[in-house]
């Protein structure tokens, strides 16, 4: 059984398709890219995407409902946290131990 829920246009050649389907005898929610046209002549699903097992769909739905759309609004450059000097100056002398992220998880 396959039931398309909807699709979102990713770009001129690719859509993101959301569907309920059976894979390996198990039902779940699949979110995958679908190529409409390509230089290679391929049209169809790509390997890019994910599958949420049926028993986890309710939890996934709960997480989506928790999204705050204000988190997706672009902020001005002035309000973004500054990048540490090692990263912004291109100093890679201690690159393996400094990821540019502080103890609070900020850059």
PDB file of N, CA and C in Angstrom:
ATOM      1  N   UNK A   1       0.836  -1.177   0.000  1.00  0.00           N
ATOM      2  CA  UNK A   1       0.000   0.000   0.000  1.00  0.00           C
ATOM      3  C   UNK A   1       0.877   1.234   0.000  1.00  0.00           C
ATOM      4  N   UNK A   2       0.616   2.138  -0.910  1.00  0.00           N
ATOM      5  CA  UNK A   2       1.301   3.423  -0.955  1.00  0.00           C
ATOM      6  C   UNK A   2       0.255   4.520  -0.985  1.00  0.00           C
ATOM      7  N   UNK A   3       0.448   5.512  -0.132  1.00  0.00           N
ATOM      8  CA  UNK A   3      -0.475   6.641  -0.084  1.00  0.00           C
ATOM      9  C   UNK A   3       0.351   7.915   0.015  1.00  0.00           C
ATOM     10  N   UNK A   4       0.343   8.707  -1.051  1.00  0.00           N
ATOM     11  CA  UNK A   4       1.063   9.973  -1.038  1.00  0.00           C
ATOM     12  C   UNK A   4       0.328  10.967  -0.162  1.00  0.00           C
ATOM     13  N   UNK A   5       1.079  11.591   0.753  1.00  0.00           N
ATOM     14  CA  UNK A   5       0.521  12.606   1.648  1.00  0.00           C
ATOM     15  C   UNK A   5       0.670  13.984   1.014  1.00  0.00           C
ATOM     16  N   UNK A   6       1.815  14.219   0.393  1.00  0.00           N
ATOM     17  CA  UNK A   6       2.046  15.508  -0.243  1.00  0.00           C
ATOM     18  C   UNK A   6       3.467  15.625  -0.725  1.00  0.00           C
ATOM     19  N   UNK A   7       3.756  16.738  -1.383  1.00  0.00           N
ATOM     20  CA  UNK A   7       5.124  16.992  -1.836  1.00  0.00           C
ATOM     21  C   UNK A   7       5.441  18.468  -1.722  1.00  0.00           C
ATOM     22  N   UNK A   8       6.721  18.733  -1.559  1.00  0.00           N
ATOM     23  CA  UNK A   8       7.235  20.087  -1.419  1.00  0.00           C
ATOM     24  C   UNK A   8       8.284  20.279  -2.502  1.00  0.00           C
ATOM     25  N   UNK A   9       8.175  21.348  -3.259  1.00  0.00           N
ATOM     26  CA  UNK A   9       9.156  21.616  -4.308  1.00  0.00           C
ATOM     27  C   UNK A   9      10.471  22.044  -3.667  1.00  0.00           C
ATOM     28  N   UNK A  10      11.518  21.276  -3.901  1.00  0.00           N
ATOM     29  CA  UNK A  10      12.839  21.606  -3.347  1.00  0.00           C
ATOM     30  C   UNK A  10      13.579  22.564  -4.265  1.00  0.00           C
ATOM     31  N   UNK A  11      13.558  22.258  -5.559  1.00  0.00           N
ATOM     32  CA  UNK A  11      14.143  23.132  -6.571  1.00  0.00           C
ATOM     33  C   UNK A  11      13.494  22.801  -7.909  1.00  0.00           C
ATOM     34  N   UNK A  12      14.027  23.330  -8.968  1.00  0.00           N
ATOM     35  CA  UNK A  12      13.456  23.164 -10.303  1.00  0.00           C
ATOM     36  C   UNK A  12      13.317  21.692 -10.711  1.00  0.00           C
ATOM     37  N   UNK A  13      14.227  20.854 -10.264  1.00  0.00           N
ATOM     38  CA  UNK A  13      14.252  19.458 -10.702  1.00  0.00           C
ATOM     39  C   UNK A  13      13.868  18.444  -9.636  1.00  0.00           C
ATOM     40  N   UNK A  14      13.698  18.873  -8.394  1.00  0.00           N
ATOM     41  CA  UNK A  14      13.526  17.921  -7.296  1.00  0.00           C
ATOM     42  C   UNK A  14      12.380  18.318  -6.375  1.00  0.00           C
ATOM     43  N   UNK A  15      11.588  17.317  -5.980  1.00  0.00           N
ATOM     44  CA  UNK A  15      10.536  17.488  -4.986  1.00  0.00           C
ATOM     45  C   UNK A  15      10.871  16.625  -3.779  1.00  0.00           C
ATOM     46  N   UNK A  16      10.341  16.992  -2.629  1.00  0.00           N
ATOM     47  CA  UNK A  16      10.404  16.140  -1.442  1.00  0.00           C
ATOM     48  C   UNK A  16       9.020  15.528  -1.307  1.00  0.00           C
ATOM     49  N   UNK A  17       8.965  14.197  -1.346  1.00  0.00           N
ATOM     50  CA  UNK A  17       7.693  13.479  -1.305  1.00  0.00           C
ATOM     51  C   UNK A  17       7.514  12.839   0.067  1.00  0.00           C
ATOM     52  N   UNK A  18       6.320  13.011   0.628  1.00  0.00           N
ATOM     53  CA  UNK A  18       5.969  12.404   1.912  1.00  0.00           C
ATOM     54  C   UNK A  18       4.860  11.399   1.629  1.00  0.00           C
ATOM     55  N   UNK A  19       5.094  10.136   2.051  1.00  0.00           N
ATOM     56  CA  UNK A  19       4.105   9.098   1.763  1.00  0.00           C
ATOM     57  C   UNK A  19       4.095   8.024   2.835  1.00  0.00           C
ATOM     58  N   UNK A  20       2.967   7.378   2.944  1.00  0.00           N
ATOM     59  CA  UNK A  20       2.846   6.194   3.786  1.00  0.00           C
ATOM     60  C   UNK A  20       3.043   5.004   2.864  1.00  0.00           C
ATOM     61  N   UNK A  21       3.909   4.075   3.261  1.00  0.00           N
ATOM     62  CA  UNK A  21       4.148   2.917   2.414  1.00  0.00           C
ATOM     63  C   UNK A  21       4.546   1.701   3.238  1.00  0.00           C
ATOM     64  N   UNK A  22       4.675   0.591   2.553  1.00  0.00           N
ATOM     65  CA  UNK A  22       5.156  -0.652   3.156  1.00  0.00           C
ATOM     66  C   UNK A  22       6.546  -0.912   2.615  1.00  0.00           C
ATOM     67  N   UNK A  23       7.479  -1.199   3.494  1.00  0.00           N
ATOM     68  CA  UNK A  23       8.832  -1.560   3.076  1.00  0.00           C
ATOM     69  C   UNK A  23       9.260  -2.730   3.925  1.00  0.00           C
ATOM     70  N   UNK A  24       9.622  -3.817   3.301  1.00  0.00           N
ATOM     71  CA  UNK A  24      10.014  -5.007   4.043  1.00  0.00           C
ATOM     72  C   UNK A  24       8.872  -5.553   4.876  1.00  0.00           C
ATOM     73  N   UNK A  25       7.638  -5.348   4.403  1.00  0.00           N
ATOM     74  CA  UNK A  25       6.480  -5.840   5.130  1.00  0.00           C
ATOM     75  C   UNK A  25       6.063  -4.987   6.308  1.00  0.00           C
ATOM     76  N   UNK A  26       6.708  -3.836   6.484  1.00  0.00           N
ATOM     77  CA  UNK A  26       6.380  -2.948   7.602  1.00  0.00           C
ATOM     78  C   UNK A  26       5.938  -1.595   7.077  1.00  0.00           C
ATOM     79  N   UNK A  27       4.861  -1.087   7.636  1.00  0.00           N
ATOM     80  CA  UNK A  27       4.319   0.201   7.239  1.00  0.00           C
ATOM     81  C   UNK A  27       5.064   1.324   7.954  1.00  0.00           C
ATOM     82  N   UNK A  28       5.191   2.460   7.263  1.00  0.00           N
ATOM     83  CA  UNK A  28       5.848   3.606   7.862  1.00  0.00           C
ATOM     84  C   UNK A  28       5.666   4.852   7.023  1.00  0.00           C
ATOM     85  N   UNK A  29       6.261   5.936   7.479  1.00  0.00           N
ATOM     86  CA  UNK A  29       6.224   7.221   6.800  1.00  0.00           C
ATOM     87  C   UNK A  29       7.576   7.432   6.125  1.00  0.00           C
ATOM     88  N   UNK A  30       7.554   7.667   4.824  1.00  0.00           N
ATOM     89  CA  UNK A  30       8.780   7.868   4.068  1.00  0.00           C
ATOM     90  C   UNK A  30       8.833   9.304   3.577  1.00  0.00           C
ATOM     91  N   UNK A  31       9.994   9.942   3.755  1.00  0.00           N
ATOM     92  CA  UNK A  31      10.231  11.303   3.282  1.00  0.00           C
ATOM     93  C   UNK A  31      11.468  11.214   2.393  1.00  0.00           C
ATOM     94  N   UNK A  32      11.257  11.354   1.079  1.00  0.00           N
ATOM     95  CA  UNK A  32      12.372  11.174   0.140  1.00  0.00           C
ATOM     96  C   UNK A  32      12.342  12.202  -0.970  1.00  0.00           C
ATOM     97  N   UNK A  33      13.504  12.382  -1.584  1.00  0.00           N
ATOM     98  CA  UNK A  33      13.615  13.264  -2.733  1.00  0.00           C
ATOM     99  C   UNK A  33      13.202  12.506  -3.997  1.00  0.00           C
ATOM    100  N   UNK A  34      12.533  13.217  -4.884  1.00  0.00           N
ATOM    101  CA  UNK A  34      12.106  12.665  -6.158  1.00  0.00           C
ATOM    102  C   UNK A  34      12.610  13.591  -7.249  1.00  0.00           C
ATOM    103  N   UNK A  35      13.432  13.044  -8.166  1.00  0.00           N
ATOM    104  CA  UNK A  35      13.993  13.819  -9.261  1.00  0.00           C
ATOM    105  C   UNK A  35      13.008  13.800 -10.427  1.00  0.00           C
ATOM    106  N   UNK A  36      12.613  14.984 -10.886  1.00  0.00           N
ATOM    107  CA  UNK A  36      11.687  15.092 -12.016  1.00  0.00           C
ATOM    108  C   UNK A  36      12.407  14.986 -13.346  1.00  0.00           C
ATOM    109  N   UNK A  37      13.612  15.503 -13.384  1.00  0.00           N
ATOM    110  CA  UNK A  37      14.426  15.424 -14.593  1.00  0.00           C
ATOM    111  C   UNK A  37      15.876  15.662 -14.191  1.00  0.00           C
ATOM    112  N   UNK A  38      16.762  15.027 -14.894  1.00  0.00           N
ATOM    113  CA  UNK A  38      18.177  15.224 -14.589  1.00  0.00           C
ATOM    114  C   UNK A  38      19.000  15.098 -15.863  1.00  0.00           C
ATOM    115  N   UNK A  39      20.260  15.496 -15.759  1.00  0.00           N
ATOM    116  CA  UNK A  39      21.171  15.405 -16.895  1.00  0.00           C
ATOM    117  C   UNK A  39      21.364  13.954 -17.327  1.00  0.00           C
ATOM    118  N   UNK A  40      21.226  13.031 -16.383  1.00  0.00           N
ATOM    119  CA  UNK A  40      21.431  11.610 -16.689  1.00  0.00           C
ATOM    120  C   UNK A  40      20.201  10.961 -17.309  1.00  0.00           C
ATOM    121  N   UNK A  41      19.082  11.676 -17.303  1.00  0.00           N
ATOM    122  CA  UNK A  41      17.853  11.110 -17.831  1.00  0.00           C
ATOM    123  C   UNK A  41      17.047  10.356 -16.794  1.00  0.00           C
ATOM    124  N   UNK A  42      17.540  10.306 -15.546  1.00  0.00           N
ATOM    125  CA  UNK A  42      16.848   9.575 -14.483  1.00  0.00           C
ATOM    126  C   UNK A  42      15.684  10.389 -13.941  1.00  0.00           C
ATOM    127  N   UNK A  43      14.552   9.726 -13.785  1.00  0.00           N
ATOM    128  CA  UNK A  43      13.395  10.296 -13.116  1.00  0.00           C
ATOM    129  C   UNK A  43      12.934   9.284 -12.088  1.00  0.00           C
ATOM    130  N   UNK A  44      12.836   9.703 -10.836  1.00  0.00           N
ATOM    131  CA  UNK A  44      12.391   8.794  -9.788  1.00  0.00           C
ATOM    132  C   UNK A  44      12.973   9.178  -8.447  1.00  0.00           C
ATOM    133  N   UNK A  45      12.759   8.306  -7.468  1.00  0.00           N
ATOM    134  CA  UNK A  45      13.254   8.564  -6.123  1.00  0.00           C
ATOM    135  C   UNK A  45      14.769   8.436  -6.055  1.00  0.00           C
ATOM    136  N   UNK A  46      15.378   9.282  -5.230  1.00  0.00           N
ATOM    137  CA  UNK A  46      16.808   9.181  -4.966  1.00  0.00           C
ATOM    138  C   UNK A  46      16.989   8.394  -3.668  1.00  0.00           C
ATOM    139  N   UNK A  47      18.231   8.202  -3.273  1.00  0.00           N
ATOM    140  CA  UNK A  47      18.518   7.535  -2.001  1.00  0.00           C
ATOM    141  C   UNK A  47      18.357   8.497  -0.826  1.00  0.00           C
ATOM    142  N   UNK A  48      18.305   9.799  -1.119  1.00  0.00           N
ATOM    143  CA  UNK A  48      18.200  10.796  -0.062  1.00  0.00           C
ATOM    144  C   UNK A  48      16.819  10.791   0.572  1.00  0.00           C
ATOM    145  N   UNK A  49      16.792  10.658   1.873  1.00  0.00           N
ATOM    146  CA  UNK A  49      15.537  10.690   2.593  1.00  0.00           C
ATOM    147  C   UNK A  49      15.613   9.883   3.867  1.00  0.00           C
ATOM    148  N   UNK A  50      14.459   9.687   4.468  1.00  0.00           N
ATOM    149  CA  UNK A  50      14.410   8.919   5.704  1.00  0.00           C
ATOM    150  C   UNK A  50      13.082   8.200   5.805  1.00  0.00           C
ATOM    151  N   UNK A  51      13.032   7.226   6.688  1.00  0.00           N
ATOM    152  CA  UNK A  51      11.819   6.451   6.910  1.00  0.00           C
ATOM    153  C   UNK A  51      11.543   6.413   8.402  1.00  0.00           C
ATOM    154  N   UNK A  52      10.314   6.696   8.768  1.00  0.00           N
ATOM    155  CA  UNK A  52       9.914   6.672  10.169  1.00  0.00           C
ATOM    156  C   UNK A  52       8.956   5.499  10.339  1.00  0.00           C
ATOM    157  N   UNK A  53       9.326   4.524  11.173  1.00  0.00           N
ATOM    158  CA  UNK A  53       8.451   3.365  11.380  1.00  0.00           C
ATOM    159  C   UNK A  53       7.090   3.791  11.930  1.00  0.00           C
ATOM    160  N   UNK A  54       6.061   3.034  11.595  1.00  0.00           N
ATOM    161  CA  UNK A  54       4.694   3.366  11.991  1.00  0.00           C
ATOM    162  C   UNK A  54       4.570   3.600  13.492  1.00  0.00           C
ATOM    163  N   UNK A  55       5.290   2.820  14.291  1.00  0.00           N
ATOM    164  CA  UNK A  55       5.164   2.983  15.742  1.00  0.00           C
ATOM    165  C   UNK A  55       5.856   4.241  16.273  1.00  0.00           C
ATOM    166  N   UNK A  56       6.577   4.975  15.421  1.00  0.00           N
ATOM    167  CA  UNK A  56       7.238   6.220  15.826  1.00  0.00           C
ATOM    168  C   UNK A  56       6.605   7.458  15.199  1.00  0.00           C
ATOM    169  N   UNK A  57       5.603   7.261  14.327  1.00  0.00           N
ATOM    170  CA  UNK A  57       4.988   8.392  13.629  1.00  0.00           C
ATOM    171  C   UNK A  57       4.308   9.355  14.599  1.00  0.00           C
ATOM    172  N   UNK A  58       3.641   8.859  15.617  1.00  0.00           N
ATOM    173  CA  UNK A  58       2.970   9.741  16.576  1.00  0.00           C
ATOM    174  C   UNK A  58       3.989  10.640  17.286  1.00  0.00           C
ATOM    175  N   UNK A  59       5.138  10.098  17.651  1.00  0.00           N
ATOM    176  CA  UNK A  59       6.192  10.891  18.297  1.00  0.00           C
ATOM    177  C   UNK A  59       6.747  11.935  17.326  1.00  0.00           C
ATOM    178  N   UNK A  60       6.949  11.547  16.066  1.00  0.00           N
ATOM    179  CA  UNK A  60       7.419  12.478  15.041  1.00  0.00           C
ATOM    180  C   UNK A  60       6.409  13.617  14.868  1.00  0.00           C
ATOM    181  N   UNK A  61       5.132  13.279  14.802  1.00  0.00           N
ATOM    182  CA  UNK A  61       4.073  14.280  14.661  1.00  0.00           C
ATOM    183  C   UNK A  61       4.076  15.241  15.855  1.00  0.00           C
ATOM    184  N   UNK A  62       4.274  14.708  17.056  1.00  0.00           N
ATOM    185  CA  UNK A  62       4.332  15.539  18.253  1.00  0.00           C
ATOM    186  C   UNK A  62       5.491  16.537  18.157  1.00  0.00           C
ATOM    187  N   UNK A  63       6.648  16.073  17.683  1.00  0.00           N
ATOM    188  CA  UNK A  63       7.806  16.959  17.559  1.00  0.00           C
ATOM    189  C   UNK A  63       7.557  18.056  16.531  1.00  0.00           C
ATOM    190  N   UNK A  64       6.931  17.715  15.417  1.00  0.00           N
ATOM    191  CA  UNK A  64       6.633  18.710  14.389  1.00  0.00           C
ATOM    192  C   UNK A  64       5.682  19.768  14.940  1.00  0.00           C
ATOM    193  N   UNK A  65       4.705  19.341  15.716  1.00  0.00           N
ATOM    194  CA  UNK A  65       3.748  20.289  16.297  1.00  0.00           C
ATOM    195  C   UNK A  65       4.412  21.237  17.294  1.00  0.00           C
ATOM    196  N   UNK A  66       5.562  20.864  17.849  1.00  0.00           N
ATOM    197  CA  UNK A  66       6.284  21.713  18.794  1.00  0.00           C
ATOM    198  C   UNK A  66       7.098  22.813  18.106  1.00  0.00           C
ATOM    199  N   UNK A  67       7.217  22.743  16.788  1.00  0.00           N
ATOM    200  CA  UNK A  67       8.005  23.740  16.072  1.00  0.00           C
ATOM    201  C   UNK A  67       7.417  25.126  16.268  1.00  0.00           C
ATOM    202  N   UNK A  68       8.293  26.088  16.476  1.00  0.00           N
ATOM    203  CA  UNK A  68       7.905  27.486  16.596  1.00  0.00           C
ATOM    204  C   UNK A  68       8.353  28.182  15.314  1.00  0.00           C
ATOM    205  N   UNK A  69       7.423  28.639  14.519  1.00  0.00           N
ATOM    206  CA  UNK A  69       7.759  29.217  13.216  1.00  0.00           C
ATOM    207  C   UNK A  69       8.653  30.443  13.332  1.00  0.00           C
ATOM    208  N   UNK A  70       8.657  31.112  14.467  1.00  0.00           N
ATOM    209  CA  UNK A  70       9.547  32.262  14.631  1.00  0.00           C
ATOM    210  C   UNK A  70      11.019  31.829  14.622  1.00  0.00           C
ATOM    211  N   UNK A  71      11.292  30.559  14.916  1.00  0.00           N
ATOM    212  CA  UNK A  71      12.665  30.063  14.865  1.00  0.00           C
ATOM    213  C   UNK A  71      13.208  30.015  13.437  1.00  0.00           C
ATOM    214  N   UNK A  72      12.329  30.083  12.448  1.00  0.00           N
ATOM    215  CA  UNK A  72      12.744  29.985  11.055  1.00  0.00           C
ATOM    216  C   UNK A  72      12.920  31.337  10.389  1.00  0.00           C
ATOM    217  N   UNK A  73      12.594  32.410  11.100  1.00  0.00           N
ATOM    218  CA  UNK A  73      12.769  33.745  10.535  1.00  0.00           C
ATOM    219  C   UNK A  73      14.242  34.103  10.550  1.00  0.00           C
ATOM    220  N   UNK A  74      14.692  34.721   9.453  1.00  0.00           N
ATOM    221  CA  UNK A  74      16.094  35.111   9.358  1.00  0.00           C
ATOM    222  C   UNK A  74      16.389  36.256  10.310  1.00  0.00           C
ATOM    223  N   UNK A  75      17.546  36.163  10.932  1.00  0.00           N
ATOM    224  CA  UNK A  75      17.993  37.214  11.833  1.00  0.00           C
ATOM    225  C   UNK A  75      19.007  38.083  11.099  1.00  0.00           C
ATOM    226  N   UNK A  76      19.132  39.318  11.527  1.00  0.00           N
ATOM    227  CA  UNK A  76      20.142  40.175  10.920  1.00  0.00           C
ATOM    228  C   UNK A  76      21.521  39.695  11.360  1.00  0.00           C
ATOM    229  N   UNK A  77      22.519  40.011  10.573  1.00  0.00           N
ATOM    230  CA  UNK A  77      23.891  39.601  10.878  1.00  0.00           C
ATOM    231  C   UNK A  77      24.343  40.127  12.237  1.00  0.00           C
ATOM    232  N   UNK A  78      23.830  41.297  12.659  1.00  0.00           N
ATOM    233  CA  UNK A  78      24.236  41.885  13.930  1.00  0.00           C
ATOM    234  C   UNK A  78      23.815  41.031  15.117  1.00  0.00           C
ATOM    235  N   UNK A  79      22.745  40.277  14.990  1.00  0.00           N
ATOM    236  CA  UNK A  79      22.265  39.510  16.131  1.00  0.00           C
ATOM    237  C   UNK A  79      22.851  38.101  16.186  1.00  0.00           C
ATOM    238  N   UNK A  80      23.612  37.710  15.173  1.00  0.00           N
ATOM    239  CA  UNK A  80      24.227  36.386  15.180  1.00  0.00           C
ATOM    240  C   UNK A  80      25.438  36.374  16.094  1.00  0.00           C
ATOM    241  N   UNK A  81      25.696  35.255  16.790  1.00  0.00           N
ATOM    242  CA  UNK A  81      26.863  35.196  17.668  1.00  0.00           C
ATOM    243  C   UNK A  81      28.153  35.283  16.859  1.00  0.00           C
ATOM    244  N   UNK A  82      29.160  35.905  17.460  1.00  0.00           N
ATOM    245  CA  UNK A  82      30.450  36.054  16.796  1.00  0.00           C
ATOM    246  C   UNK A  82      31.175  34.718  16.734  1.00  0.00           C
ATOM    247  N   UNK A  83      31.943  34.516  15.670  1.00  0.00           N
ATOM    248  CA  UNK A  83      32.739  33.313  15.516  1.00  0.00           C
ATOM    249  C   UNK A  83      34.039  33.508  16.281  1.00  0.00           C
ATOM    250  N   UNK A  84      34.530  32.455  16.934  1.00  0.00           N
ATOM    251  CA  UNK A  84      35.757  32.592  17.717  1.00  0.00           C
ATOM    252  C   UNK A  84      36.916  33.032  16.829  1.00  0.00           C
ATOM    253  N   UNK A  85      37.905  33.697  17.431  1.00  0.00           N
ATOM    254  CA  UNK A  85      39.024  34.242  16.674  1.00  0.00           C
ATOM    255  C   UNK A  85      39.782  33.172  15.907  1.00  0.00           C
ATOM    256  N   UNK A  86      39.991  31.996  16.494  1.00  0.00           N
ATOM    257  CA  UNK A  86      40.723  30.934  15.805  1.00  0.00           C
ATOM    258  C   UNK A  86      40.050  30.541  14.502  1.00  0.00           C
ATOM    259  N   UNK A  87      38.743  30.477  14.500  1.00  0.00           N
ATOM    260  CA  UNK A  87      38.023  30.068  13.305  1.00  0.00           C
ATOM    261  C   UNK A  87      37.971  31.200  12.297  1.00  0.00           C
ATOM    262  N   UNK A  88      37.623  32.425  12.749  1.00  0.00           N
ATOM    263  CA  UNK A  88      37.466  33.533  11.818  1.00  0.00           C
ATOM    264  C   UNK A  88      38.796  34.000  11.245  1.00  0.00           C
ATOM    265  N   UNK A  89      39.877  33.872  11.990  1.00  0.00           N
ATOM    266  CA  UNK A  89      41.181  34.308  11.511  1.00  0.00           C
ATOM    267  C   UNK A  89      41.859  33.237  10.672  1.00  0.00           C
ATOM    268  N   UNK A  90      41.247  32.064  10.576  1.00  0.00           N
ATOM    269  CA  UNK A  90      41.838  30.999   9.797  1.00  0.00           C
ATOM    270  C   UNK A  90      43.016  30.347  10.490  1.00  0.00           C
ATOM    271  N   UNK A  91      43.170  30.546  11.797  1.00  0.00           N
ATOM    272  CA  UNK A  91      44.265  29.970  12.554  1.00  0.00           C
ATOM    273  C   UNK A  91      43.954  28.509  12.827  1.00  0.00           C
ATOM    274  N   UNK A  92      44.675  27.621  12.158  1.00  0.00           N
ATOM    275  CA  UNK A  92      44.401  26.202  12.329  1.00  0.00           C
ATOM    276  C   UNK A  92      45.472  25.503  13.160  1.00  0.00           C
ATOM    277  N   UNK A  93      46.233  26.259  13.952  1.00  0.00           N
ATOM    278  CA  UNK A  93      47.294  25.656  14.742  1.00  0.00           C
ATOM    279  C   UNK A  93      46.748  24.701  15.784  1.00  0.00           C
ATOM    280  N   UNK A  94      45.546  24.960  16.260  1.00  0.00           N
ATOM    281  CA  UNK A  94      44.950  24.092  17.278  1.00  0.00           C
ATOM    282  C   UNK A  94      43.593  23.606  16.788  1.00  0.00           C
ATOM    283  N   UNK A  95      43.483  23.347  15.485  1.00  0.00           N
ATOM    284  CA  UNK A  95      42.216  23.026  14.856  1.00  0.00           C
ATOM    285  C   UNK A  95      41.583  21.752  15.402  1.00  0.00           C
ATOM    286  N   UNK A  96      42.368  20.756  15.767  1.00  0.00           N
ATOM    287  CA  UNK A  96      41.802  19.488  16.212  1.00  0.00           C
ATOM    288  C   UNK A  96      41.122  19.583  17.567  1.00  0.00           C
ATOM    289  N   UNK A  97      41.521  20.564  18.409  1.00  0.00           N
ATOM    290  CA  UNK A  97      40.908  20.663  19.721  1.00  0.00           C
ATOM    291  C   UNK A  97      39.906  21.801  19.839  1.00  0.00           C
ATOM    292  N   UNK A  98      39.810  22.685  18.835  1.00  0.00           N
ATOM    293  CA  UNK A  98      38.895  23.815  18.904  1.00  0.00           C
ATOM    294  C   UNK A  98      37.911  23.740  17.748  1.00  0.00           C
ATOM    295  N   UNK A  99      36.687  23.361  18.059  1.00  0.00           N
ATOM    296  CA  UNK A  99      35.659  23.256  17.019  1.00  0.00           C
ATOM    297  C   UNK A  99      35.000  24.578  16.733  1.00  0.00           C
ATOM    298  N   UNK A 100      35.290  25.614  17.530  1.00  0.00           N
ATOM    299  CA  UNK A 100      34.635  26.900  17.371  1.00  0.00           C
ATOM    300  C   UNK A 100      33.310  26.978  18.100  1.00  0.00           C
ATOM    301  N   UNK A 101      33.000  25.954  18.910  1.00  0.00           N
ATOM    302  CA  UNK A 101      31.748  25.921  19.654  1.00  0.00           C
ATOM    303  C   UNK A 101      32.096  25.939  21.132  1.00  0.00           C
ATOM    304  N   UNK A 102      31.497  26.870  21.876  1.00  0.00           N
ATOM    305  CA  UNK A 102      31.805  26.981  23.304  1.00  0.00           C
ATOM    306  C   UNK A 102      31.016  25.959  24.125  1.00  0.00           C
ATOM    307  N   UNK A 103      31.167  26.029  25.439  1.00  0.00           N
ATOM    308  CA  UNK A 103      30.534  25.067  26.349  1.00  0.00           C
ATOM    309  C   UNK A 103      29.009  25.109  26.280  1.00  0.00           C
ATOM    310  N   UNK A 104      28.455  26.235  25.845  1.00  0.00           N
ATOM    311  CA  UNK A 104      27.001  26.378  25.748  1.00  0.00           C
ATOM    312  C   UNK A 104      26.468  25.930  24.399  1.00  0.00           C
ATOM    313  N   UNK A 105      27.349  25.428  23.523  1.00  0.00           N
ATOM    314  CA  UNK A 105      26.938  24.970  22.218  1.00  0.00           C
ATOM    315  C   UNK A 105      26.819  26.085  21.195  1.00  0.00           C
ATOM    316  N   UNK A 106      27.396  27.259  21.507  1.00  0.00           N
ATOM    317  CA  UNK A 106      27.335  28.386  20.588  1.00  0.00           C
ATOM    318  C   UNK A 106      28.675  28.581  19.903  1.00  0.00           C
ATOM    319  N   UNK A 107      28.612  29.135  18.707  1.00  0.00           N
ATOM    320  CA  UNK A 107      29.850  29.413  17.978  1.00  0.00           C
ATOM    321  C   UNK A 107      30.417  30.731  18.435  1.00  0.00           C
TER     322      UNK A 107
END
